[in-house]
N, C-alpha and C. Protein backbone atom coordinates (compact mmCIF):
# COMPACT_ATOMS: atom_id res chain seq x y z
N MET A 1 0.81 -1.21 0.01
CA MET A 1 0.01 0.00 0.05
C MET A 1 0.90 1.27 0.05
N THR A 2 0.60 2.15 -0.92
CA THR A 2 1.46 3.32 -1.03
C THR A 2 1.08 4.26 0.11
N LYS A 3 2.13 4.81 0.80
CA LYS A 3 2.00 5.71 1.76
C LYS A 3 1.76 7.06 1.41
N THR A 4 1.26 7.97 2.34
CA THR A 4 0.94 9.31 2.14
C THR A 4 1.98 10.16 2.93
N LEU A 5 2.12 11.37 2.63
CA LEU A 5 2.78 12.27 3.62
C LEU A 5 2.25 12.13 4.96
N LYS A 6 0.94 12.19 5.19
CA LYS A 6 0.36 12.10 6.52
C LYS A 6 0.73 10.75 7.19
N ASP A 7 0.74 9.53 6.45
CA ASP A 7 1.21 8.27 7.03
C ASP A 7 2.62 8.35 7.51
N LEU A 8 3.59 8.99 6.68
CA LEU A 8 4.97 9.08 7.15
C LEU A 8 5.00 9.91 8.32
N ALA A 9 4.32 11.15 8.33
CA ALA A 9 4.43 12.12 9.45
C ALA A 9 4.02 11.52 10.57
N GLU A 10 3.00 10.57 10.76
CA GLU A 10 2.65 9.88 11.97
C GLU A 10 3.72 9.03 12.44
N LYS A 11 4.42 8.27 11.46
CA LYS A 11 5.41 7.32 11.94
C LYS A 11 6.76 8.17 12.45
N MET A 12 7.00 9.27 11.76
CA MET A 12 8.15 10.18 11.99
C MET A 12 8.10 10.74 13.40
N ARG A 13 6.92 10.94 13.85
CA ARG A 13 6.58 11.62 15.25
C ARG A 13 7.21 10.74 16.31
N ASP A 14 7.37 9.41 16.11
CA ASP A 14 7.83 8.55 16.90
C ASP A 14 9.40 8.37 17.05
N ILE A 15 9.94 8.95 16.02
CA ILE A 15 11.36 8.82 15.86
C ILE A 15 12.07 10.15 16.43
N ASP A 16 13.04 9.88 17.29
CA ASP A 16 13.61 11.17 18.03
C ASP A 16 14.70 11.63 17.11
N PHE A 17 15.58 10.95 16.59
CA PHE A 17 16.71 11.53 15.92
C PHE A 17 16.74 11.06 14.33
N ALA A 18 17.25 11.95 13.67
CA ALA A 18 17.62 11.82 12.15
C ALA A 18 19.01 12.07 11.91
N MET A 19 19.55 11.48 10.93
CA MET A 19 20.91 11.61 10.49
C MET A 19 20.89 12.70 9.40
N LEU A 20 21.44 13.90 9.55
CA LEU A 20 21.57 14.97 8.58
C LEU A 20 22.87 14.82 7.80
N ALA A 21 22.95 14.48 6.52
CA ALA A 21 24.05 14.43 5.72
C ALA A 21 24.26 15.65 4.92
N THR A 22 25.54 16.15 4.87
CA THR A 22 25.87 17.46 4.10
C THR A 22 27.02 16.99 3.23
N HIS A 23 27.43 17.83 2.32
CA HIS A 23 28.58 17.59 1.49
C HIS A 23 29.77 18.68 2.08
N ALA A 24 30.90 17.99 2.39
CA ALA A 24 31.99 18.83 2.85
C ALA A 24 32.79 19.53 1.71
N GLU A 25 33.53 20.46 2.03
CA GLU A 25 34.26 21.10 0.97
C GLU A 25 35.01 20.24 0.00
N SER A 26 35.51 19.13 0.58
CA SER A 26 36.41 18.13 -0.14
C SER A 26 35.50 17.13 -1.05
N GLY A 27 34.21 17.30 -0.70
CA GLY A 27 33.29 16.46 -1.57
C GLY A 27 32.84 15.15 -0.76
N ALA A 28 33.38 14.96 0.29
CA ALA A 28 33.18 13.89 1.32
C ALA A 28 31.63 14.30 1.80
N ILE A 29 31.05 13.22 2.29
CA ILE A 29 29.67 13.30 2.93
C ILE A 29 29.91 13.16 4.42
N GLY A 30 29.39 14.02 5.17
CA GLY A 30 29.37 14.01 6.60
C GLY A 30 27.95 13.97 7.24
N ALA A 31 27.69 13.09 8.03
CA ALA A 31 26.35 12.94 8.65
C ALA A 31 26.43 13.03 10.15
N ARG A 32 25.43 13.73 10.78
CA ARG A 32 25.36 14.05 12.21
C ARG A 32 23.92 13.79 12.68
N PRO A 33 23.74 13.25 13.92
CA PRO A 33 22.47 13.00 14.41
C PRO A 33 21.88 14.47 14.85
N MET A 34 20.63 14.60 14.54
CA MET A 34 19.95 15.75 15.00
C MET A 34 18.57 15.36 15.37
N SER A 35 18.18 16.06 16.53
CA SER A 35 16.88 15.68 17.25
C SER A 35 15.69 16.07 16.58
N ASN A 36 14.84 15.27 16.18
CA ASN A 36 13.46 15.59 15.83
C ASN A 36 12.36 16.00 16.83
N ASN A 37 12.89 15.85 18.05
CA ASN A 37 12.04 16.19 19.24
C ASN A 37 10.79 15.59 19.43
N ARG A 38 10.43 14.73 18.66
CA ARG A 38 9.29 13.88 18.70
C ARG A 38 8.04 14.62 18.86
N ALA A 39 8.01 16.06 18.54
CA ALA A 39 6.99 16.85 18.79
C ALA A 39 6.72 17.54 17.50
N VAL A 40 7.10 16.91 16.32
CA VAL A 40 7.06 17.65 14.90
C VAL A 40 5.94 17.08 14.18
N GLU A 41 5.19 17.81 13.62
CA GLU A 41 4.04 17.45 12.71
C GLU A 41 4.74 17.64 11.16
N TYR A 42 5.21 16.66 10.75
CA TYR A 42 6.12 16.64 9.48
C TYR A 42 5.11 17.16 8.30
N ASP A 43 5.56 18.11 7.65
CA ASP A 43 4.72 18.71 6.35
C ASP A 43 5.60 18.75 5.18
N GLY A 44 6.81 18.08 5.24
CA GLY A 44 7.74 18.23 4.10
C GLY A 44 8.92 19.10 4.47
N ASP A 45 8.83 19.96 5.61
CA ASP A 45 9.98 20.62 6.07
C ASP A 45 10.28 20.12 7.45
N SER A 46 11.74 20.03 7.78
CA SER A 46 12.16 19.68 8.96
C SER A 46 13.03 20.82 9.56
N TRP A 47 13.10 21.01 10.82
CA TRP A 47 13.69 22.07 11.45
C TRP A 47 14.55 21.61 12.60
N PHE A 48 15.89 22.15 12.50
CA PHE A 48 16.80 21.61 13.56
C PHE A 48 17.59 22.82 14.18
N PHE A 49 17.86 22.85 15.47
CA PHE A 49 18.65 23.96 15.96
C PHE A 49 20.07 23.50 15.92
N ALA A 50 20.90 24.60 15.59
CA ALA A 50 22.34 24.37 15.64
C ALA A 50 23.12 25.64 15.93
N ASP A 51 24.56 25.48 16.23
CA ASP A 51 25.31 26.57 16.47
C ASP A 51 25.87 26.99 15.01
N GLU A 52 25.96 28.23 14.95
CA GLU A 52 26.31 28.95 13.74
C GLU A 52 27.80 28.53 13.15
N ASN A 53 28.72 28.47 14.21
CA ASN A 53 30.06 28.26 13.88
C ASN A 53 30.34 26.76 13.93
N THR A 54 29.58 25.94 13.10
CA THR A 54 29.84 24.47 13.00
C THR A 54 30.24 24.27 11.47
N ARG A 55 30.99 22.96 11.31
CA ARG A 55 31.22 22.67 10.09
C ARG A 55 29.88 22.33 9.23
N MET A 56 28.96 21.94 9.90
CA MET A 56 27.59 21.45 9.20
C MET A 56 27.00 22.76 8.53
N VAL A 57 27.04 23.74 9.33
CA VAL A 57 26.49 25.08 8.82
C VAL A 57 27.32 25.51 7.75
N ASP A 58 28.66 25.41 7.84
CA ASP A 58 29.50 25.83 6.70
C ASP A 58 29.18 24.94 5.32
N ASP A 59 29.07 23.73 5.66
CA ASP A 59 28.63 22.61 4.51
C ASP A 59 27.37 23.24 3.77
N ILE A 60 26.31 23.52 4.62
CA ILE A 60 24.95 23.86 4.06
C ILE A 60 25.05 25.27 3.31
N THR A 61 25.87 26.08 3.85
CA THR A 61 26.02 27.44 3.29
C THR A 61 26.63 27.33 1.85
N ARG A 62 27.68 26.38 1.80
CA ARG A 62 28.34 26.08 0.44
C ARG A 62 27.55 25.28 -0.41
N ASP A 63 26.84 24.24 0.00
CA ASP A 63 26.04 23.26 -0.85
C ASP A 63 24.97 22.95 -0.09
N PRO A 64 23.77 23.51 -0.44
CA PRO A 64 22.49 23.10 0.32
C PRO A 64 21.86 21.92 0.21
N HIS A 65 22.30 20.96 -0.76
CA HIS A 65 21.73 19.71 -0.88
C HIS A 65 22.08 18.75 0.16
N VAL A 66 21.04 18.26 0.89
CA VAL A 66 21.27 17.47 2.03
C VAL A 66 20.41 16.31 1.98
N SER A 67 20.71 15.40 2.88
CA SER A 67 19.65 14.23 3.04
C SER A 67 19.32 13.85 4.61
N LEU A 68 18.15 13.41 4.86
CA LEU A 68 17.91 13.10 6.23
C LEU A 68 17.55 11.66 6.23
N THR A 69 18.10 10.75 7.25
CA THR A 69 17.58 9.39 7.28
C THR A 69 16.95 9.16 8.67
N TYR A 70 15.93 8.36 8.66
CA TYR A 70 15.25 8.03 9.94
C TYR A 70 15.12 6.55 9.86
N GLN A 71 15.22 5.94 11.17
CA GLN A 71 14.97 4.68 11.38
C GLN A 71 13.97 4.43 12.36
N GLY A 72 12.94 3.70 12.17
CA GLY A 72 11.79 3.65 13.20
C GLY A 72 11.75 2.24 13.87
N LYS A 73 10.83 1.91 14.30
CA LYS A 73 10.61 0.72 15.17
C LYS A 73 11.03 -0.65 14.32
N SER A 74 11.73 -1.39 14.99
CA SER A 74 11.95 -2.80 14.43
C SER A 74 12.53 -3.66 15.68
N GLY A 75 12.60 -4.84 15.52
CA GLY A 75 13.10 -5.68 16.58
C GLY A 75 12.49 -7.11 16.53
N LEU A 76 12.60 -7.80 17.64
CA LEU A 76 12.28 -9.25 17.71
C LEU A 76 10.83 -9.38 18.17
N LEU A 77 10.16 -8.31 18.50
CA LEU A 77 8.84 -8.45 18.85
C LEU A 77 7.69 -8.38 17.74
N GLY A 78 8.16 -8.58 16.58
CA GLY A 78 7.21 -8.56 15.37
C GLY A 78 7.02 -7.01 14.69
N LEU A 79 7.87 -6.23 15.30
CA LEU A 79 7.69 -4.99 14.82
C LEU A 79 8.42 -4.81 13.50
N ARG A 80 7.81 -4.23 12.28
CA ARG A 80 8.39 -4.07 11.11
C ARG A 80 9.35 -2.98 11.19
N PRO A 81 10.58 -3.09 10.55
CA PRO A 81 11.40 -1.98 10.45
C PRO A 81 10.82 -0.77 9.66
N LEU A 82 11.32 0.49 9.82
CA LEU A 82 10.81 1.53 9.10
C LEU A 82 12.13 2.35 8.71
N PHE A 83 12.36 2.59 7.37
CA PHE A 83 13.33 3.31 7.07
C PHE A 83 12.91 4.57 6.16
N ILE A 84 13.18 5.78 6.52
CA ILE A 84 12.88 6.94 5.66
C ILE A 84 14.04 7.63 5.40
N ALA A 85 14.28 7.86 3.89
CA ALA A 85 15.34 8.90 3.48
C ALA A 85 14.68 9.95 2.74
N ILE A 86 15.06 11.20 3.08
CA ILE A 86 14.52 12.47 2.60
C ILE A 86 15.69 13.26 1.86
N GLU A 87 15.34 13.47 0.58
CA GLU A 87 16.36 14.46 -0.20
C GLU A 87 15.65 15.77 0.03
N GLY A 88 16.64 16.89 0.14
CA GLY A 88 16.13 18.11 0.23
C GLY A 88 17.22 19.13 0.09
N MET A 89 16.68 20.37 0.23
CA MET A 89 17.48 21.61 0.25
C MET A 89 17.40 22.15 1.53
N ALA A 90 18.51 22.60 2.01
CA ALA A 90 18.69 23.18 3.46
C ALA A 90 19.03 24.71 3.30
N GLN A 91 18.54 25.49 4.45
CA GLN A 91 18.89 26.89 4.49
C GLN A 91 19.11 27.19 6.01
N ILE A 92 19.88 28.11 6.12
CA ILE A 92 20.21 28.51 7.58
C ILE A 92 19.17 29.69 7.83
N VAL A 93 18.53 29.62 8.92
CA VAL A 93 17.53 30.57 9.31
C VAL A 93 17.98 31.24 10.49
N ARG A 94 18.13 32.57 10.55
CA ARG A 94 18.42 33.46 11.77
C ARG A 94 17.38 34.26 12.22
N ASP A 95 16.29 34.28 11.66
CA ASP A 95 15.08 35.05 11.96
C ASP A 95 14.59 34.63 13.42
N ARG A 96 14.53 35.70 14.27
CA ARG A 96 14.32 35.31 15.65
C ARG A 96 12.78 34.77 15.84
N SER A 97 11.92 35.31 15.11
CA SER A 97 10.56 34.73 15.19
C SER A 97 10.46 33.33 14.86
N GLN A 98 11.27 32.82 13.93
CA GLN A 98 11.30 31.41 13.60
C GLN A 98 11.98 30.64 14.61
N LEU A 99 13.00 31.27 15.36
CA LEU A 99 13.58 30.67 16.40
C LEU A 99 12.63 30.25 17.47
N GLU A 100 11.90 31.27 17.81
CA GLU A 100 10.91 31.22 18.97
C GLU A 100 9.70 30.39 18.52
N ALA A 101 9.36 30.31 17.25
CA ALA A 101 8.25 29.42 16.90
C ALA A 101 8.59 27.98 16.92
N HIS A 102 9.94 27.61 16.74
CA HIS A 102 10.28 26.15 16.81
C HIS A 102 11.08 25.79 18.08
N TRP A 103 11.08 26.65 18.94
CA TRP A 103 11.73 26.25 20.33
C TRP A 103 10.83 25.29 21.08
N THR A 104 11.39 24.25 21.59
CA THR A 104 10.52 23.32 22.43
C THR A 104 11.35 23.21 23.88
N THR A 105 10.55 22.77 24.78
CA THR A 105 11.10 22.58 26.18
C THR A 105 12.04 21.51 26.04
N GLY A 106 13.17 21.64 26.59
CA GLY A 106 14.24 20.62 26.75
C GLY A 106 15.39 21.05 25.89
N LEU A 107 15.34 21.92 24.99
CA LEU A 107 16.41 22.58 24.16
C LEU A 107 17.38 23.30 24.91
N GLU A 108 16.94 23.72 26.18
CA GLU A 108 17.84 24.54 26.97
C GLU A 108 18.97 23.73 27.52
N ARG A 109 18.90 22.60 27.53
CA ARG A 109 19.97 21.51 27.91
C ARG A 109 21.22 21.89 26.97
N TRP A 110 20.99 22.16 25.75
CA TRP A 110 22.18 22.42 24.78
C TRP A 110 22.38 23.85 24.77
N TRP A 111 21.33 24.82 24.80
CA TRP A 111 21.31 26.31 24.73
C TRP A 111 20.74 26.87 25.95
N PRO A 112 21.38 27.08 26.96
CA PRO A 112 20.74 27.43 28.31
C PRO A 112 20.13 28.85 28.27
N GLN A 113 20.63 29.69 27.21
CA GLN A 113 20.02 31.00 27.11
C GLN A 113 18.84 31.02 26.05
N GLY A 114 18.40 29.82 25.80
CA GLY A 114 17.28 29.80 24.77
C GLY A 114 17.60 30.55 23.44
N VAL A 115 16.44 31.23 23.01
CA VAL A 115 16.71 31.79 21.66
C VAL A 115 17.73 33.01 21.72
N GLU A 116 18.06 33.35 22.92
CA GLU A 116 19.00 34.45 23.05
C GLU A 116 20.46 34.04 22.96
N THR A 117 20.68 32.75 22.74
CA THR A 117 21.92 32.14 22.65
C THR A 117 22.55 32.89 21.60
N PRO A 118 23.87 33.41 21.63
CA PRO A 118 24.58 33.85 20.41
C PRO A 118 25.08 32.79 19.61
N GLY A 119 24.65 33.05 18.32
CA GLY A 119 25.07 32.01 17.33
C GLY A 119 24.00 30.98 17.05
N LEU A 120 23.06 30.99 17.72
CA LEU A 120 21.98 30.04 17.54
C LEU A 120 21.25 30.16 16.35
N VAL A 121 21.18 29.13 15.33
CA VAL A 121 20.53 29.32 14.13
C VAL A 121 19.47 28.00 13.99
N LEU A 122 18.69 28.07 12.91
CA LEU A 122 17.73 26.95 12.66
C LEU A 122 18.35 26.48 11.13
N ILE A 123 18.20 25.17 11.03
CA ILE A 123 18.42 24.61 9.78
C ILE A 123 17.06 24.10 9.29
N GLN A 124 16.69 24.61 8.26
CA GLN A 124 15.32 24.23 7.57
C GLN A 124 15.69 23.47 6.47
N VAL A 125 15.26 22.02 6.48
CA VAL A 125 15.39 21.24 5.31
C VAL A 125 14.16 21.17 4.61
N ILE A 126 14.11 21.56 3.40
CA ILE A 126 12.83 21.70 2.80
C ILE A 126 12.89 20.18 1.82
N GLY A 127 12.07 19.30 2.07
CA GLY A 127 12.01 18.06 1.61
C GLY A 127 11.57 18.06 0.12
N GLN A 128 12.28 17.40 -0.75
CA GLN A 128 11.94 17.26 -2.14
C GLN A 128 11.41 15.91 -2.52
N ARG A 129 11.93 14.80 -1.97
CA ARG A 129 11.50 13.40 -2.14
C ARG A 129 11.84 12.71 -0.98
N ALA A 130 10.81 11.77 -0.65
CA ALA A 130 11.06 10.89 0.61
C ALA A 130 10.91 9.47 0.15
N HIS A 131 11.79 8.61 0.35
CA HIS A 131 11.85 7.36 0.05
C HIS A 131 11.54 6.53 1.32
N TYR A 132 10.78 5.45 1.35
CA TYR A 132 10.53 4.75 2.49
C TYR A 132 10.54 3.26 2.33
N TRP A 133 10.64 2.41 3.33
CA TRP A 133 10.82 0.93 3.31
C TRP A 133 10.21 0.64 4.60
N ASP A 134 9.23 -0.17 4.85
CA ASP A 134 8.76 -0.80 6.13
C ASP A 134 8.83 -2.16 6.32
N GLY A 135 9.54 -2.93 5.48
CA GLY A 135 9.77 -4.27 5.66
C GLY A 135 8.82 -5.00 4.66
N GLU A 136 7.61 -4.52 4.29
CA GLU A 136 6.93 -5.01 3.28
C GLU A 136 6.44 -4.09 2.18
N ASP A 137 6.55 -2.77 2.39
CA ASP A 137 6.19 -1.91 1.45
C ASP A 137 7.31 -0.83 1.28
N GLU A 138 7.49 -0.46 0.07
CA GLU A 138 8.41 0.57 -0.25
C GLU A 138 8.00 1.57 -1.27
N GLY A 139 8.46 2.79 -1.28
CA GLY A 139 7.99 3.65 -2.36
C GLY A 139 8.66 5.06 -2.18
N GLU A 140 8.21 5.89 -2.99
CA GLU A 140 8.66 7.33 -2.95
C GLU A 140 7.58 8.35 -3.07
N LEU A 141 7.80 9.38 -2.33
CA LEU A 141 6.81 10.52 -2.38
C LEU A 141 7.49 11.79 -2.89
N VAL A 142 6.89 12.30 -3.78
CA VAL A 142 7.45 13.69 -4.28
C VAL A 142 6.90 14.73 -3.34
N LEU A 143 7.77 15.39 -2.62
CA LEU A 143 7.28 16.44 -1.65
C LEU A 143 7.29 17.79 -2.17
N ASP A 144 8.12 17.99 -3.26
CA ASP A 144 8.15 19.32 -3.99
C ASP A 144 7.68 19.01 -5.37
N GLU A 145 6.61 19.54 -5.70
CA GLU A 145 6.11 19.26 -7.08
C GLU A 145 7.07 19.71 -8.32
N SER A 146 7.91 20.64 -7.90
CA SER A 146 8.94 21.05 -8.92
C SER A 146 9.92 19.91 -9.18
N MET A 147 9.96 18.94 -8.37
CA MET A 147 10.90 17.79 -8.47
C MET A 147 10.30 16.60 -9.20
N ALA A 148 8.95 16.70 -9.49
CA ALA A 148 8.15 15.66 -10.14
C ALA A 148 8.76 15.46 -11.63
N THR A 149 8.75 14.02 -12.03
CA THR A 149 9.27 13.82 -13.47
C THR A 149 8.15 12.99 -14.02
N ASP A 150 8.28 12.96 -15.25
CA ASP A 150 7.39 12.26 -16.15
C ASP A 150 7.44 10.73 -16.17
N ASP A 151 8.42 10.15 -15.48
CA ASP A 151 8.74 8.61 -15.65
C ASP A 151 8.21 7.94 -14.56
């Protein structure tokens, strides 16, 4: 059965971390775990807080093509595995109103000054395609209609 964006969003809510992969200046791919905070209603955009002076932010500034990978429930108790890979474009957001809109309780563990933390930025990943596999079903969703092809 083909999944919809709503189906994937419901499953993604239970996944706390994604791996965000960027392209380094050398062309290498670097991936880092980023918290999904389990409080996100996925609509094709993902939002992650980061420090401005990191290699990841430098990578995105230079080349905004990124991917996100998620792994959901699996195991010995009959739970089917879930894998989701999202291709997208990232941008660095410094707008304070956006920082406030996406702030959630618990983030002060990493940024005790909250949205007032110097150098705090948001990484917005605008999803273009989502690939999924849940052990029985696999497929692709086009999240950005400008990425649709005729094949």
